[in-house]
């Protein structure tokens, strides 16, 4: 996980902080499959205001673009002499990166190189609101911990703490099927008997992944990573009015 974070920070220093990430469900990227408590990398992303996207388990097609890139890389390496050591392999990888990104034109990009296409587009940035919510949550945890220490009580988290609070609620992501209205209905506890999230009638019957992290409801298409809804939870209401998220850096519907 430390290696992942260091690599991510290096990439940000070179290219800027992105609006979002898209990864598989490796434990170095996310703990969402087995815990309501986010992992270190997830919290780093949230603190930077970077939206996290994860593909559906056992569905590598979501990350189809990078998987196809791996195929091209392997084919390129196989056509060259086997590297004698790690340094030699790294030199080959650097050469491939230059050829792929800066020299070879792509038909899908109008005969431009990936670098030319990348530099021609404006860049979406991180979400300050997400960063502010994460920082507020951390400050709250520190205050509660300091209060317990001052009272002479052990500082520890109760099982399930954080997932049933009505304002700062966190519920692990899970698969749900939208009903005929295009709504995802789920009982969530925490003073809210059920939460109904409207994702649009065009998504009626669609199987989606819904989770709540620090009071923010996110509904994602698990097959593509497309964000269908992302909005602050109103704990006073069971029905959450639809507030579509900006279409920034969402994964395409087809790979």
Protein backbone atom coordinates (compact mmCIF):
# COMPACT_ATOMS: atom_id res chain seq x y z
CA UNK A 1 0.00 0.00 0.00
CA UNK A 2 2.89 2.36 0.75
CA UNK A 3 4.30 1.70 -2.72
CA UNK A 4 0.93 2.48 -4.30
CA UNK A 5 0.63 5.77 -2.41
CA UNK A 6 4.19 6.81 -3.26
CA UNK A 7 3.63 6.02 -6.94
CA UNK A 8 0.37 7.95 -6.93
CA UNK A 9 2.00 11.02 -5.37
CA UNK A 10 4.81 10.91 -7.94
CA UNK A 11 2.26 10.77 -10.76
CA UNK A 12 0.39 13.74 -9.24
CA UNK A 13 3.59 15.76 -9.02
CA UNK A 14 4.18 15.16 -12.74
CA UNK A 15 0.67 15.44 -14.18
CA UNK A 16 -1.44 17.10 -11.48
CA UNK A 17 -4.08 15.68 -9.16
CA UNK A 18 -6.81 13.85 -11.13
CA UNK A 19 -10.56 14.03 -10.68
CA UNK A 20 -10.84 10.28 -10.18
CA UNK A 21 -9.11 6.91 -10.20
CA UNK A 22 -10.29 3.58 -11.62
CA UNK A 23 -8.81 0.37 -10.18
CA UNK A 24 -9.72 -3.22 -9.47
CA UNK A 25 -10.55 -4.40 -5.94
CA UNK A 26 -7.05 -5.30 -4.75
CA UNK A 27 -6.68 -4.72 -1.02
CA UNK A 28 -3.92 -2.18 -1.67
CA UNK A 29 -6.53 -0.01 -3.41
CA UNK A 30 -9.70 -0.59 -1.39
CA UNK A 31 -11.07 -2.36 1.68
CA UNK A 32 -14.68 -1.99 0.52
CA UNK A 33 -15.19 -5.72 -0.04
CA UNK A 34 -14.66 -6.64 3.59
CA UNK A 35 -14.85 -3.52 5.77
CA UNK A 36 -16.84 -0.31 6.23
CA UNK A 37 -13.62 1.39 7.34
CA UNK A 38 -11.70 2.81 4.35
CA UNK A 39 -8.10 1.80 3.79
CA UNK A 40 -5.09 4.07 3.74
CA UNK A 41 -5.10 4.70 -0.01
CA UNK A 42 -8.83 5.38 0.00
CA UNK A 43 -8.45 7.96 2.74
CA UNK A 44 -5.51 9.55 0.93
CA UNK A 45 -7.64 9.93 -2.20
CA UNK A 46 -10.56 11.39 -0.23
CA UNK A 47 -8.29 13.87 1.56
CA UNK A 48 -6.99 15.01 -1.85
CA UNK A 49 -10.53 15.30 -3.22
CA UNK A 50 -10.05 12.46 -5.72
CA UNK A 51 -13.14 10.37 -6.51
CA UNK A 52 -12.45 6.63 -6.19
CA UNK A 53 -13.89 4.15 -8.69
CA UNK A 54 -13.53 0.38 -8.51
CA UNK A 55 -14.51 -2.20 -11.09
CA UNK A 56 -16.89 -5.03 -10.36
CA UNK A 57 -15.22 -8.11 -8.84
CA UNK A 58 -14.16 -10.72 -11.43
CA UNK A 59 -14.96 -8.29 -14.24
CA UNK A 60 -11.63 -7.07 -15.65
CA UNK A 61 -13.43 -5.60 -18.67
CA UNK A 62 -14.08 -2.48 -16.53
CA UNK A 63 -10.34 -1.82 -16.68
CA UNK A 64 -10.32 -2.91 -20.33
CA UNK A 65 -8.16 -0.07 -21.60
CA UNK A 66 -5.20 -0.80 -19.34
CA UNK A 67 -5.62 -4.54 -19.81
CA UNK A 68 -5.40 -4.03 -23.59
CA UNK A 69 -2.30 -1.88 -23.03
CA UNK A 70 -0.72 -4.77 -21.08
CA UNK A 71 -1.31 -7.02 -24.09
CA UNK A 72 0.49 -4.58 -26.37
CA UNK A 73 3.37 -4.28 -23.90
CA UNK A 74 3.80 -8.05 -23.61
CA UNK A 75 3.78 -8.46 -27.38
CA UNK A 76 6.41 -5.69 -27.72
CA UNK A 77 8.67 -7.28 -25.09
CA UNK A 78 8.34 -10.74 -26.63
CA UNK A 79 9.72 -9.41 -29.91
CA UNK A 80 12.95 -8.28 -28.19
CA UNK A 81 15.86 -10.04 -26.48
CA UNK A 82 15.11 -11.15 -22.94
CA UNK A 83 16.36 -8.58 -20.43
CA UNK A 84 19.39 -9.78 -18.47
CA UNK A 85 18.37 -8.07 -15.23
CA UNK A 86 15.90 -5.64 -13.71
CA UNK A 87 17.80 -2.54 -14.87
CA UNK A 88 17.76 -3.79 -18.46
CA UNK A 89 14.04 -4.53 -18.21
CA UNK A 90 13.34 -1.03 -16.88
CA UNK A 91 15.21 0.44 -19.86
CA UNK A 92 13.03 -1.61 -22.20
CA UNK A 93 9.90 -0.43 -20.40
CA UNK A 94 11.02 3.20 -20.66
CA UNK A 95 11.63 2.74 -24.39
CA UNK A 96 8.18 1.20 -24.84
CA UNK A 97 6.56 4.09 -22.97
CA UNK A 98 8.22 6.64 -25.24
CA UNK A 99 7.29 4.74 -28.41
CA UNK A 100 3.70 4.11 -27.32
CA UNK A 101 2.93 7.59 -25.99
CA UNK A 102 5.09 9.90 -28.10
CA UNK A 103 6.04 8.23 -31.39
CA UNK A 104 3.44 5.78 -32.68
CA UNK A 105 0.21 7.39 -34.00
CA UNK A 106 -3.11 5.72 -33.13
CA UNK A 107 -6.03 5.26 -35.51
CA UNK A 108 -8.50 5.67 -32.64
CA UNK A 109 -7.00 9.11 -31.92
CA UNK A 110 -7.15 10.45 -35.48
CA UNK A 111 -3.55 9.39 -36.16
CA UNK A 112 -2.31 11.38 -33.20
CA UNK A 113 -0.06 10.02 -30.46
CA UNK A 114 -1.54 9.51 -26.98
CA UNK A 115 0.56 12.41 -25.69
CA UNK A 116 -0.79 14.76 -28.36
CA UNK A 117 -4.35 13.72 -27.55
CA UNK A 118 -3.76 14.07 -23.81
CA UNK A 119 -2.23 17.52 -24.05
CA UNK A 120 -5.00 18.76 -26.35
CA UNK A 121 -7.70 18.28 -23.69
CA UNK A 122 -8.51 20.25 -20.57
CA UNK A 123 -8.04 18.35 -17.32
CA UNK A 124 -10.71 17.71 -14.72
CA UNK A 125 -9.51 18.39 -11.18
CA UNK A 126 -10.20 17.07 -7.69
CA UNK A 127 -13.37 17.82 -5.73
CA UNK A 128 -12.75 20.33 -2.90
CA UNK A 129 -16.03 19.29 -1.25
CA UNK A 130 -14.90 15.68 -0.96
CA UNK A 131 -11.60 16.79 0.58
CA UNK A 132 -13.40 19.06 3.05
CA UNK A 133 -15.75 16.25 4.16
CA UNK A 134 -12.83 13.89 4.69
CA UNK A 135 -10.90 16.48 6.70
CA UNK A 136 -13.97 17.25 8.79
CA UNK A 137 -14.40 13.53 9.49
CA UNK A 138 -10.77 13.21 10.57
CA UNK A 139 -11.05 16.26 12.80
CA UNK A 140 -14.14 14.77 14.42
CA UNK A 141 -12.34 11.47 15.07
CA UNK A 142 -9.41 13.32 16.64
CA UNK A 143 -11.72 15.32 18.91
CA UNK A 144 -13.57 12.20 20.02
CA UNK A 145 -10.28 10.42 20.64
CA UNK A 146 -8.94 13.35 22.66
CA UNK A 147 -12.14 13.39 24.73
CA UNK A 148 -11.83 9.70 25.55
CA UNK A 149 -8.19 10.13 26.51
CA UNK A 150 -9.05 13.08 28.76
CA UNK A 151 -11.69 10.96 30.46
CA UNK A 152 -9.22 8.13 30.96
CA UNK A 153 -11.09 5.79 28.63
CA UNK A 154 -9.38 3.61 26.03
CA UNK A 155 -9.40 5.01 22.49
CA UNK A 156 -10.90 2.32 20.33
CA UNK A 157 -13.62 1.99 17.74
CA UNK A 158 -16.74 0.00 18.51
CA UNK A 159 -17.60 -2.71 15.99
CA UNK A 160 -19.73 -1.12 13.32
CA UNK A 161 -19.01 2.43 14.50
CA UNK A 162 -19.23 4.94 11.69
CA UNK A 163 -21.82 3.04 9.67
CA UNK A 164 -24.93 3.87 11.68
CA UNK A 165 -24.52 7.55 12.45
CA UNK A 166 -27.23 9.55 10.68
CA UNK A 167 -24.96 12.39 9.47
CA UNK A 168 -21.50 10.84 9.12
CA UNK A 169 -22.81 7.48 7.91
CA UNK A 170 -20.69 4.86 6.15
CA UNK A 171 -22.17 1.70 4.62
CA UNK A 172 -20.11 -0.77 2.55
CA UNK A 173 -20.90 -0.88 -1.15
CA UNK A 174 -23.25 -3.62 -2.33
CA UNK A 175 -25.11 -4.68 -5.46
CA UNK A 176 -28.76 -3.69 -5.89
CA UNK A 177 -31.29 -3.70 -8.72
CA UNK A 178 -33.06 -0.44 -9.53
CA UNK A 179 -36.84 -0.72 -9.48
CA UNK A 180 -39.23 0.33 -12.25
CA UNK A 181 -38.98 3.98 -11.21
CA UNK A 182 -35.21 3.98 -11.52
CA UNK A 183 -34.78 4.01 -7.75
CA UNK A 184 -32.43 2.01 -5.53
CA UNK A 185 -34.12 1.08 -2.25
CA UNK A 186 -32.14 -0.14 0.73
CA UNK A 187 -32.68 -0.21 4.50
CA UNK A 188 -29.61 1.39 6.10
CA UNK A 189 -30.27 1.95 9.78
CA UNK A 190 -28.75 4.91 11.58
CA UNK A 191 -32.11 6.56 12.22
CA UNK A 192 -33.14 6.21 8.56
CA UNK A 193 -35.49 3.28 8.03
CA UNK A 194 -34.71 3.10 4.34
CA UNK A 195 -32.91 5.16 1.73
CA UNK A 196 -34.36 5.56 -1.75
CA UNK A 197 -31.89 6.97 -4.28
CA UNK A 198 -33.27 8.07 -7.65
CA UNK A 199 -30.85 7.32 -10.49
CA UNK A 200 -33.26 8.07 -13.33
CA UNK A 201 -35.99 6.09 -15.04
CA UNK A 202 -33.60 5.28 -17.90
CA UNK A 203 -31.76 3.04 -15.40
CA UNK A 204 -34.83 1.06 -14.32
CA UNK A 205 -33.98 -2.61 -13.78
CA UNK A 206 -30.26 -1.96 -13.92
CA UNK A 207 -27.99 -3.75 -11.46
CA UNK A 208 -25.87 -1.13 -9.71
CA UNK A 209 -23.49 -0.83 -6.79
CA UNK A 210 -24.54 1.54 -4.04
CA UNK A 211 -22.48 2.63 -1.06
CA UNK A 212 -22.36 5.45 1.48
CA UNK A 213 -19.08 6.98 2.62
CA UNK A 214 -19.06 9.73 5.25
CA UNK A 215 -22.62 10.67 4.42
CA UNK A 216 -22.17 10.72 0.63
CA UNK A 217 -24.29 8.26 -1.39
CA UNK A 218 -22.62 6.92 -4.54
CA UNK A 219 -24.30 4.69 -7.13
CA UNK A 220 -22.03 3.15 -9.77
CA UNK A 221 -22.49 0.82 -12.73
CA UNK A 222 -20.25 -2.09 -11.63
CA UNK A 223 -19.60 -3.17 -15.22
CA UNK A 224 -18.16 0.14 -16.42
CA UNK A 225 -17.37 2.25 -13.35
CA UNK A 226 -19.81 4.94 -14.56
CA UNK A 227 -21.05 7.09 -11.66
CA UNK A 228 -24.86 7.29 -11.88
CA UNK A 229 -25.39 9.33 -8.71
CA UNK A 230 -23.16 10.95 -6.12
CA UNK A 231 -24.71 13.26 -3.56
CA UNK A 232 -24.77 14.15 0.11
CA UNK A 233 -27.22 12.07 2.15
CA UNK A 234 -30.16 13.94 3.66
CA UNK A 235 -30.77 11.98 6.89
CA UNK A 236 -34.14 13.65 7.41
CA UNK A 237 -35.52 12.12 4.22
CA UNK A 238 -35.98 8.56 3.08
CA UNK A 239 -36.31 9.61 -0.55
CA UNK A 240 -33.16 11.27 -1.86
CA UNK A 241 -34.01 13.64 -4.71
CA UNK A 242 -31.91 13.08 -7.79
CA UNK A 243 -28.93 15.41 -8.12
CA UNK A 244 -26.88 14.11 -11.07
CA UNK A 245 -23.12 14.35 -10.66
CA UNK A 246 -21.09 16.17 -13.31
CA UNK A 247 -20.02 13.86 -16.13
CA UNK A 248 -16.31 14.20 -15.40
CA UNK A 249 -13.85 11.40 -16.19
CA UNK A 250 -16.52 8.71 -15.98
CA UNK A 251 -15.64 5.35 -17.48
CA UNK A 252 -17.30 4.78 -20.88
CA UNK A 253 -20.26 2.44 -21.13
CA UNK A 254 -18.40 0.27 -23.64
CA UNK A 255 -14.73 -0.67 -23.80
